[in-house]
Amino acid sequence: MLEVTQILHDVRAGRPGASEELVAALYDELRALARRDLAGERPDHTLQPTALVNEAWMRLFTGTEGTFENRAHFFSAASTAIRRVLADHARKRQAEKRGGGRGRVPLEEIDVGGPVRSEDVLALDEALERLSAFAPVQARIVEMRFFGGLTTPELARALEMSESTVERHWRLARAWLRGELGERDGS
């Protein structure tokens, strides 16, 4: 972790070769996250892990190169980028299907760390937008945990709060999301 933080500082300082070291240090980890996030997609899905990572990487470094303080800050931003790429892709797919007939998405079926369908990503993205309007910390925790794969200790470090506070926010966010995702279809 300290190595990545140092490389991020070197990128910010403009050290030659630091950007390439950053790619080498983080790319495989991002691809593993992408593979996990795409595992539940249909076999003919057009977005592959490499494409997801490349698109997220482009979003991360367009106009913001060198602004990441440490590894946790980077993965926080990467969580957002991955979420947005997946949601944009799902929206495009839904539009191509003339609405796609989205159905109820129980939160229990959206397993953190497990496979997820693009329809679930879109429903979760929309719910997170609503949650962030009144509980931005809870929305951030869900985003970083679900899309970034961060654990409770990593979240606590990244958000500079205790693990018990992170867990409390996580429980509250999950409860709200269960109601929200079930409510979409009158359930």
C-alpha atoms as a PDB file:
ATOM      1  CA  MET A   1       0.000   0.000   0.000  1.00  0.00           C
ATOM      2  CA  LEU A   2       2.805   2.407   0.839  1.00  0.00           C
ATOM      3  CA  GLU A   3       4.440   1.681  -2.523  1.00  0.00           C
ATOM      4  CA  VAL A   4       1.297   2.725  -4.416  1.00  0.00           C
ATOM      5  CA  THR A   5       0.956   5.847  -2.289  1.00  0.00           C
ATOM      6  CA  GLN A   6       4.564   6.751  -3.054  1.00  0.00           C
ATOM      7  CA  ILE A   7       4.040   6.194  -6.780  1.00  0.00           C
ATOM      8  CA  LEU A   8       0.920   8.400  -6.662  1.00  0.00           C
ATOM      9  CA  HIS A   9       2.991  11.124  -4.997  1.00  0.00           C
ATOM     10  CA  ASP A  10       5.671  10.684  -7.672  1.00  0.00           C
ATOM     11  CA  VAL A  11       3.052  11.021 -10.420  1.00  0.00           C
ATOM     12  CA  ARG A  12       1.802  14.215  -8.815  1.00  0.00           C
ATOM     13  CA  ALA A  13       5.371  15.520  -8.566  1.00  0.00           C
ATOM     14  CA  GLY A  14       5.916  14.769 -12.263  1.00  0.00           C
ATOM     15  CA  ARG A  15       8.667  12.172 -11.836  1.00  0.00           C
ATOM     16  CA  PRO A  16       9.435  10.609 -15.243  1.00  0.00           C
ATOM     17  CA  GLY A  17       8.224   7.008 -15.457  1.00  0.00           C
ATOM     18  CA  ALA A  18       5.933   7.273 -12.435  1.00  0.00           C
ATOM     19  CA  SER A  19       2.757   6.964 -14.528  1.00  0.00           C
ATOM     20  CA  GLU A  20       4.002   3.713 -16.048  1.00  0.00           C
ATOM     21  CA  GLU A  21       4.836   2.380 -12.570  1.00  0.00           C
ATOM     22  CA  LEU A  22       1.323   3.267 -11.448  1.00  0.00           C
ATOM     23  CA  VAL A  23      -0.202   1.300 -14.306  1.00  0.00           C
ATOM     24  CA  ALA A  24       1.997  -1.688 -13.470  1.00  0.00           C
ATOM     25  CA  ALA A  25       1.118  -1.490  -9.784  1.00  0.00           C
ATOM     26  CA  LEU A  26      -2.651  -1.126 -10.137  1.00  0.00           C
ATOM     27  CA  TYR A  27      -3.785  -2.464 -13.495  1.00  0.00           C
ATOM     28  CA  ASP A  28      -3.998  -6.142 -12.501  1.00  0.00           C
ATOM     29  CA  GLU A  29      -5.967  -5.283  -9.373  1.00  0.00           C
ATOM     30  CA  LEU A  30      -8.404  -3.176 -11.401  1.00  0.00           C
ATOM     31  CA  ARG A  31      -8.788  -5.998 -13.935  1.00  0.00           C
ATOM     32  CA  ALA A  32      -9.611  -8.408 -11.104  1.00  0.00           C
ATOM     33  CA  LEU A  33     -12.330  -5.999  -9.919  1.00  0.00           C
ATOM     34  CA  ALA A  34     -13.626  -5.694 -13.477  1.00  0.00           C
ATOM     35  CA  ARG A  35     -13.717  -9.480 -13.925  1.00  0.00           C
ATOM     36  CA  ARG A  36     -15.697  -9.769 -10.687  1.00  0.00           C
ATOM     37  CA  ASP A  37     -18.113  -7.011 -11.683  1.00  0.00           C
ATOM     38  CA  LEU A  38     -18.695  -8.584 -15.111  1.00  0.00           C
ATOM     39  CA  ALA A  39     -18.897 -12.213 -13.926  1.00  0.00           C
ATOM     40  CA  GLY A  40     -22.697 -12.236 -13.834  1.00  0.00           C
ATOM     41  CA  GLU A  41     -23.181 -10.737 -17.267  1.00  0.00           C
ATOM     42  CA  ARG A  42     -24.466 -12.701 -20.216  1.00  0.00           C
ATOM     43  CA  PRO A  43     -21.795 -14.628 -22.161  1.00  0.00           C
ATOM     44  CA  ASP A  44     -22.051 -12.385 -25.226  1.00  0.00           C
ATOM     45  CA  HIS A  45     -21.666  -9.193 -23.186  1.00  0.00           C
ATOM     46  CA  THR A  46     -19.854  -6.580 -25.268  1.00  0.00           C
ATOM     47  CA  LEU A  47     -17.964  -4.997 -22.377  1.00  0.00           C
ATOM     48  CA  GLN A  48     -14.959  -7.087 -21.371  1.00  0.00           C
ATOM     49  CA  PRO A  49     -12.791  -6.591 -18.246  1.00  0.00           C
ATOM     50  CA  THR A  50      -9.975  -4.972 -20.212  1.00  0.00           C
ATOM     51  CA  ALA A  51     -12.368  -2.520 -21.855  1.00  0.00           C
ATOM     52  CA  LEU A  52     -13.979  -1.723 -18.492  1.00  0.00           C
ATOM     53  CA  VAL A  53     -10.586  -1.033 -16.901  1.00  0.00           C
ATOM     54  CA  ASN A  54      -9.414   1.026 -19.877  1.00  0.00           C
ATOM     55  CA  GLU A  55     -12.565   3.154 -19.866  1.00  0.00           C
ATOM     56  CA  ALA A  56     -12.400   3.627 -16.089  1.00  0.00           C
ATOM     57  CA  TRP A  57      -8.691   4.478 -16.320  1.00  0.00           C
ATOM     58  CA  MET A  58      -9.409   7.099 -18.980  1.00  0.00           C
ATOM     59  CA  ARG A  59     -12.087   8.650 -16.780  1.00  0.00           C
ATOM     60  CA  LEU A  60      -9.749   8.627 -13.803  1.00  0.00           C
ATOM     61  CA  PHE A  61      -6.911  10.379 -15.583  1.00  0.00           C
ATOM     62  CA  THR A  62      -8.713  12.795 -17.870  1.00  0.00           C
ATOM     63  CA  GLY A  63      -7.930  16.162 -16.347  1.00  0.00           C
ATOM     64  CA  THR A  64      -7.111  14.756 -12.892  1.00  0.00           C
ATOM     65  CA  GLU A  65      -3.712  13.145 -13.315  1.00  0.00           C
ATOM     66  CA  GLY A  66      -1.757  13.183 -10.105  1.00  0.00           C
ATOM     67  CA  THR A  67      -4.535  14.288  -7.775  1.00  0.00           C
ATOM     68  CA  PHE A  68      -4.794  11.040  -5.809  1.00  0.00           C
ATOM     69  CA  GLU A  69      -3.414  11.243  -2.278  1.00  0.00           C
ATOM     70  CA  ASN A  70      -3.009   7.515  -1.604  1.00  0.00           C
ATOM     71  CA  ARG A  71      -4.130   4.027  -2.615  1.00  0.00           C
ATOM     72  CA  ALA A  72      -7.470   4.328  -0.803  1.00  0.00           C
ATOM     73  CA  HIS A  73      -8.213   7.668  -2.493  1.00  0.00           C
ATOM     74  CA  PHE A  74      -7.357   6.147  -5.867  1.00  0.00           C
ATOM     75  CA  PHE A  75      -9.651   3.142  -5.320  1.00  0.00           C
ATOM     76  CA  SER A  76     -12.402   5.429  -4.098  1.00  0.00           C
ATOM     77  CA  ALA A  77     -12.219   7.314  -7.395  1.00  0.00           C
ATOM     78  CA  ALA A  78     -11.838   4.034  -9.318  1.00  0.00           C
ATOM     79  CA  SER A  79     -15.036   2.729  -7.671  1.00  0.00           C
ATOM     80  CA  THR A  80     -16.911   5.740  -8.996  1.00  0.00           C
ATOM     81  CA  ALA A  81     -15.393   5.395 -12.464  1.00  0.00           C
ATOM     82  CA  ILE A  82     -16.216   1.674 -12.692  1.00  0.00           C
ATOM     83  CA  ARG A  83     -19.753   2.318 -11.450  1.00  0.00           C
ATOM     84  CA  ARG A  84     -20.302   5.009 -14.064  1.00  0.00           C
ATOM     85  CA  VAL A  85     -18.880   2.934 -16.926  1.00  0.00           C
ATOM     86  CA  LEU A  86     -21.093  -0.028 -15.992  1.00  0.00           C
ATOM     87  CA  ALA A  87     -24.157   2.182 -15.530  1.00  0.00           C
ATOM     88  CA  ASP A  88     -23.552   3.981 -18.842  1.00  0.00           C
ATOM     89  CA  HIS A  89     -23.168   0.650 -20.588  1.00  0.00           C
ATOM     90  CA  ALA A  90     -26.351  -0.683 -18.967  1.00  0.00           C
ATOM     91  CA  ARG A  91     -28.245   2.486 -19.923  1.00  0.00           C
ATOM     92  CA  LYS A  92     -27.127   2.110 -23.516  1.00  0.00           C
ATOM     93  CA  ARG A  93     -28.196  -1.517 -23.531  1.00  0.00           C
ATOM     94  CA  GLN A  94     -31.558  -0.641 -21.974  1.00  0.00           C
ATOM     95  CA  ALA A  95     -32.121   2.083 -24.562  1.00  0.00           C
ATOM     96  CA  GLU A  96     -31.349  -0.381 -27.337  1.00  0.00           C
ATOM     97  CA  LYS A  97     -33.985  -2.702 -25.918  1.00  0.00           C
ATOM     98  CA  ARG A  98     -36.584   0.134 -25.754  1.00  0.00           C
ATOM     99  CA  GLY A  99     -36.667   0.234 -22.007  1.00  0.00           C
ATOM    100  CA  GLY A 100     -35.602  -3.331 -21.377  1.00  0.00           C
ATOM    101  CA  GLY A 101     -38.454  -4.088 -18.981  1.00  0.00           C
ATOM    102  CA  ARG A 102     -36.456  -3.624 -15.801  1.00  0.00           C
ATOM    103  CA  GLY A 103     -37.891  -5.580 -12.917  1.00  0.00           C
ATOM    104  CA  ARG A 104     -37.560  -5.725  -9.157  1.00  0.00           C
ATOM    105  CA  VAL A 105     -33.980  -6.115  -7.913  1.00  0.00           C
ATOM    106  CA  PRO A 106     -33.828  -7.393  -4.334  1.00  0.00           C
ATOM    107  CA  LEU A 107     -30.692  -6.176  -2.564  1.00  0.00           C
ATOM    108  CA  GLU A 108     -30.022  -9.710  -1.343  1.00  0.00           C
ATOM    109  CA  GLU A 109     -29.426 -10.686  -4.969  1.00  0.00           C
ATOM    110  CA  ILE A 110     -26.837  -7.945  -5.390  1.00  0.00           C
ATOM    111  CA  ASP A 111     -24.011  -9.690  -3.607  1.00  0.00           C
ATOM    112  CA  VAL A 112     -21.038  -7.484  -2.818  1.00  0.00           C
ATOM    113  CA  GLY A 113     -18.122  -9.275  -4.406  1.00  0.00           C
ATOM    114  CA  GLY A 114     -20.335 -11.533  -6.492  1.00  0.00           C
ATOM    115  CA  PRO A 115     -21.676 -11.469 -10.029  1.00  0.00           C
ATOM    116  CA  VAL A 116     -24.206  -8.862 -11.032  1.00  0.00           C
ATOM    117  CA  ARG A 117     -26.325  -8.231 -14.138  1.00  0.00           C
ATOM    118  CA  SER A 118     -26.229  -4.884 -15.946  1.00  0.00           C
ATOM    119  CA  GLU A 119     -29.883  -4.305 -15.041  1.00  0.00           C
ATOM    120  CA  ASP A 120     -28.928  -4.622 -11.364  1.00  0.00           C
ATOM    121  CA  VAL A 121     -26.047  -2.183 -11.825  1.00  0.00           C
ATOM    122  CA  LEU A 122     -28.381   0.349 -13.403  1.00  0.00           C
ATOM    123  CA  ALA A 123     -30.984  -0.014 -10.638  1.00  0.00           C
ATOM    124  CA  LEU A 124     -28.284   0.290  -7.969  1.00  0.00           C
ATOM    125  CA  ASP A 125     -26.745   3.295  -9.708  1.00  0.00           C
ATOM    126  CA  GLU A 126     -30.092   5.085  -9.790  1.00  0.00           C
ATOM    127  CA  ALA A 127     -30.755   4.249  -6.133  1.00  0.00           C
ATOM    128  CA  LEU A 128     -27.282   5.454  -5.133  1.00  0.00           C
ATOM    129  CA  GLU A 129     -27.953   8.771  -6.861  1.00  0.00           C
ATOM    130  CA  ARG A 130     -31.074   9.196  -4.728  1.00  0.00           C
ATOM    131  CA  LEU A 131     -29.284   8.060  -1.556  1.00  0.00           C
ATOM    132  CA  SER A 132     -26.398  10.467  -2.119  1.00  0.00           C
ATOM    133  CA  ALA A 133     -28.847  13.387  -2.087  1.00  0.00           C
ATOM    134  CA  PHE A 134     -29.486  12.953   1.640  1.00  0.00           C
ATOM    135  CA  ALA A 135     -26.851  10.477   2.873  1.00  0.00           C
ATOM    136  CA  PRO A 136     -23.682  11.013   0.818  1.00  0.00           C
ATOM    137  CA  VAL A 137     -21.417   9.094   3.210  1.00  0.00           C
ATOM    138  CA  GLN A 138     -23.650   6.033   3.075  1.00  0.00           C
ATOM    139  CA  ALA A 139     -23.831   6.216  -0.709  1.00  0.00           C
ATOM    140  CA  ARG A 140     -20.039   6.497  -0.888  1.00  0.00           C
ATOM    141  CA  ILE A 141     -19.601   3.443   1.358  1.00  0.00           C
ATOM    142  CA  VAL A 142     -21.928   1.349  -0.823  1.00  0.00           C
ATOM    143  CA  GLU A 143     -20.165   2.535  -3.966  1.00  0.00           C
ATOM    144  CA  MET A 144     -16.670   1.875  -2.654  1.00  0.00           C
ATOM    145  CA  ARG A 145     -17.627  -1.496  -1.206  1.00  0.00           C
ATOM    146  CA  PHE A 146     -19.669  -2.738  -4.151  1.00  0.00           C
ATOM    147  CA  PHE A 147     -17.819  -1.275  -7.143  1.00  0.00           C
ATOM    148  CA  GLY A 148     -14.368  -0.883  -5.601  1.00  0.00           C
ATOM    149  CA  GLY A 149     -14.262  -4.054  -3.546  1.00  0.00           C
ATOM    150  CA  LEU A 150     -12.962  -2.255  -0.443  1.00  0.00           C
ATOM    151  CA  THR A 151     -13.260  -4.017   2.893  1.00  0.00           C
ATOM    152  CA  THR A 152     -14.503  -2.406   6.104  1.00  0.00           C
ATOM    153  CA  PRO A 153     -10.944  -1.677   7.349  1.00  0.00           C
ATOM    154  CA  GLU A 154     -10.005  -0.183   3.964  1.00  0.00           C
ATOM    155  CA  LEU A 155     -13.154   1.942   3.962  1.00  0.00           C
ATOM    156  CA  ALA A 156     -12.425   3.135   7.496  1.00  0.00           C
ATOM    157  CA  ARG A 157      -8.940   4.246   6.450  1.00  0.00           C
ATOM    158  CA  ALA A 158     -10.125   5.832   3.215  1.00  0.00           C
ATOM    159  CA  LEU A 159     -12.964   7.741   4.867  1.00  0.00           C
ATOM    160  CA  GLU A 160     -11.046   8.437   8.090  1.00  0.00           C
ATOM    161  CA  MET A 161     -13.663   6.942  10.384  1.00  0.00           C
ATOM    162  CA  SER A 162     -13.841   3.967  12.714  1.00  0.00           C
ATOM    163  CA  GLU A 163     -14.712   0.516  11.438  1.00  0.00           C
ATOM    164  CA  SER A 164     -17.816   0.468  13.647  1.00  0.00           C
ATOM    165  CA  THR A 165     -19.001   3.747  12.080  1.00  0.00           C
ATOM    166  CA  VAL A 166     -18.439   2.318   8.598  1.00  0.00           C
ATOM    167  CA  GLU A 167     -20.430  -0.801   9.560  1.00  0.00           C
ATOM    168  CA  ARG A 168     -23.258   1.327  10.993  1.00  0.00           C
ATOM    169  CA  HIS A 169     -23.453   3.381   7.781  1.00  0.00           C
ATOM    170  CA  TRP A 170     -23.303   0.177   5.717  1.00  0.00           C
ATOM    171  CA  ARG A 171     -26.223  -1.377   7.637  1.00  0.00           C
ATOM    172  CA  LEU A 172     -28.318   1.790   7.274  1.00  0.00           C
ATOM    173  CA  ALA A 173     -27.537   2.106   3.567  1.00  0.00           C
ATOM    174  CA  ARG A 174     -28.387  -1.548   2.924  1.00  0.00           C
ATOM    175  CA  ALA A 175     -31.698  -1.202   4.756  1.00  0.00           C
ATOM    176  CA  TRP A 176     -32.599   1.913   2.762  1.00  0.00           C
ATOM    177  CA  LEU A 177     -31.557   0.277  -0.512  1.00  0.00           C
ATOM    178  CA  ARG A 178     -33.639  -2.816   0.227  1.00  0.00           C
ATOM    179  CA  GLY A 179     -36.689  -0.634   0.628  1.00  0.00           C
ATOM    180  CA  GLU A 180     -35.846   1.535  -2.347  1.00  0.00           C
ATOM    181  CA  LEU A 181     -35.074  -1.265  -4.773  1.00  0.00           C
ATOM    182  CA  GLY A 182     -38.127  -3.242  -3.685  1.00  0.00           C
ATOM    183  CA  GLU A 183     -40.325  -0.125  -3.827  1.00  0.00           C
ATOM    184  CA  ARG A 184     -39.555   0.508  -7.514  1.00  0.00           C
ATOM    185  CA  ASP A 185     -42.088  -2.117  -8.539  1.00  0.00           C
ATOM    186  CA  GLY A 186     -44.569  -1.633  -5.716  1.00  0.00           C
ATOM    187  CA  SER A 187     -43.112  -4.502  -3.657  1.00  0.00           C
END
